[in-house]
Amino acid sequence: MIDRLVALFRDIYLHRDAHHLSGLALVGVRAVLGVESARGSPLNIQRSLHVPNLTRAEVEDLFAQYREESGQGVDPLVVAALFEATRGQPGLVSWVGELLTEACNPGSGEPITSRTWNRV
């Protein structure tokens, strides 16, 4: 599927006068050129960007911003557990944060507690 997707992007690039796409950045946990393709590399340029892990303070700040914007409490033990489980990896912090605040959120009237954490 990834091979087909990047091949589509390459085709858009080759026929760029027919499209309005002027640039593309693919962000993920693996290099696009790591995709096995019978046609070879679908892209002619790759630049890896190192995204460092978030610090505990940065993860705490993200949840402080969430509390301020949503008005919903988040138990500091949940934030600590999230940091320990993800070691601050940005993609994992975001994904688990989304599960905590959206998919498994107990409701705006209740704080996010270890019960929510255990469910996630």
Protein backbone atom coordinates (compact mmCIF):
# COMPACT_ATOMS: atom_id res chain seq x y z
CA MET A 1 0.00 0.00 0.00
CA ILE A 2 2.82 2.42 0.90
CA ASP A 3 4.58 1.59 -2.37
CA ARG A 4 1.42 2.43 -4.33
CA LEU A 5 0.92 5.66 -2.40
CA VAL A 6 4.44 6.98 -2.99
CA ALA A 7 4.22 5.89 -6.65
CA LEU A 8 1.09 8.04 -6.91
CA PHE A 9 2.96 11.01 -5.43
CA ARG A 10 5.78 10.45 -7.91
CA ASP A 11 3.28 10.41 -10.78
CA ILE A 12 1.77 13.68 -9.54
CA TYR A 13 5.27 15.17 -9.52
CA LEU A 14 6.02 13.95 -13.05
CA HIS A 15 2.74 15.47 -14.29
CA ARG A 16 2.89 18.54 -12.05
CA ASP A 17 1.42 20.93 -14.68
CA ALA A 18 -1.85 19.00 -14.29
CA HIS A 19 -1.82 19.23 -10.46
CA HIS A 20 -1.57 21.97 -7.87
CA LEU A 21 0.88 20.15 -5.61
CA SER A 22 4.13 22.08 -5.34
CA GLY A 23 5.79 20.17 -2.52
CA LEU A 24 5.38 17.13 -0.35
CA ALA A 25 6.80 16.00 2.95
CA LEU A 26 6.16 12.47 4.15
CA VAL A 27 6.47 12.18 7.91
CA GLY A 28 6.68 8.83 9.62
CA VAL A 29 8.76 6.43 11.61
CA ARG A 30 10.40 4.81 8.63
CA ALA A 31 12.20 6.09 5.56
CA VAL A 32 10.22 6.15 2.35
CA LEU A 33 13.19 4.74 0.47
CA GLY A 34 12.97 1.70 2.74
CA VAL A 35 9.85 0.71 0.80
CA GLU A 36 10.53 -2.31 -1.41
CA SER A 37 9.45 -1.60 -4.96
CA ALA A 38 9.97 -3.51 -8.20
CA ARG A 39 10.19 -0.15 -9.96
CA GLY A 40 12.99 1.17 -7.75
CA SER A 41 12.80 4.29 -5.64
CA PRO A 42 9.56 6.20 -6.17
CA LEU A 43 11.20 9.45 -5.11
CA ASN A 44 14.42 11.05 -6.19
CA ILE A 45 15.03 13.07 -3.04
CA GLN A 46 15.06 11.98 0.56
CA ARG A 47 16.09 14.00 3.55
CA SER A 48 15.77 12.45 6.94
CA LEU A 49 14.89 14.75 9.76
CA HIS A 50 15.78 13.72 13.28
CA VAL A 51 12.97 14.50 15.71
CA PRO A 52 14.25 14.12 19.26
CA ASN A 53 12.14 12.57 21.98
CA LEU A 54 10.15 14.93 24.15
CA THR A 55 11.38 15.56 27.67
CA ARG A 56 9.20 14.86 30.69
CA ALA A 57 8.73 18.62 31.09
CA GLU A 58 7.57 18.95 27.48
CA VAL A 59 5.03 16.12 27.89
CA GLU A 60 3.81 17.72 31.12
CA ASP A 61 3.50 21.05 29.29
CA LEU A 62 1.42 19.45 26.51
CA PHE A 63 -1.06 18.16 29.07
CA ALA A 64 -1.05 21.48 30.93
CA GLN A 65 -2.05 23.13 27.64
CA TYR A 66 -4.77 20.52 27.19
CA ARG A 67 -6.09 21.18 30.72
CA GLU A 68 -6.10 24.94 30.08
CA GLU A 69 -7.88 24.66 26.71
CA SER A 70 -10.40 21.94 27.61
CA GLY A 71 -10.95 22.62 31.29
CA GLN A 72 -10.61 18.88 31.92
CA GLY A 73 -8.29 17.68 34.64
CA VAL A 74 -5.55 15.15 33.95
CA ASP A 75 -4.00 13.26 36.85
CA PRO A 76 -0.24 13.95 36.97
CA LEU A 77 0.31 10.22 37.53
CA VAL A 78 -1.25 9.57 34.10
CA VAL A 79 1.15 12.02 32.46
CA ALA A 80 4.08 10.39 34.28
CA ALA A 81 2.93 6.91 33.20
CA LEU A 82 2.54 8.07 29.60
CA PHE A 83 6.06 9.48 29.59
CA GLU A 84 7.50 6.31 31.09
CA ALA A 85 5.66 4.08 28.62
CA THR A 86 6.60 6.12 25.54
CA ARG A 87 9.99 7.51 26.71
CA GLY A 88 8.84 10.75 25.06
CA GLN A 89 8.73 9.42 21.49
CA PRO A 90 6.68 12.20 19.82
CA GLY A 91 4.48 9.96 17.66
CA LEU A 92 3.62 7.68 20.57
CA VAL A 93 3.00 10.59 22.96
CA SER A 94 0.60 12.10 20.40
CA TRP A 95 -1.17 8.83 19.70
CA VAL A 96 -1.62 7.84 23.35
CA GLY A 97 -2.59 11.44 24.16
CA GLU A 98 -5.27 11.25 21.48
CA LEU A 99 -6.57 7.99 22.97
CA LEU A 100 -6.68 9.55 26.43
CA THR A 101 -8.33 12.82 25.41
CA GLU A 102 -10.61 11.63 22.61
CA ALA A 103 -11.24 7.92 22.07
CA CYS A 104 -11.30 6.87 25.74
CA ASN A 105 -12.11 10.22 27.34
CA PRO A 106 -14.48 9.71 30.30
CA GLY A 107 -16.21 13.03 29.50
CA SER A 108 -15.42 16.67 30.09
CA GLY A 109 -17.01 16.57 33.54
CA GLU A 110 -14.58 13.91 34.77
CA PRO A 111 -10.79 14.09 35.00
CA ILE A 112 -8.57 11.72 33.10
CA THR A 113 -7.34 9.32 35.78
CA SER A 114 -5.45 6.06 36.07
CA ARG A 115 -8.72 4.30 35.24
CA THR A 116 -8.65 5.94 31.80
CA TRP A 117 -4.93 5.18 31.50
CA ASN A 118 -5.55 1.50 32.24
CA ARG A 119 -8.29 1.42 29.62
CA VAL A 120 -5.97 2.93 27.02
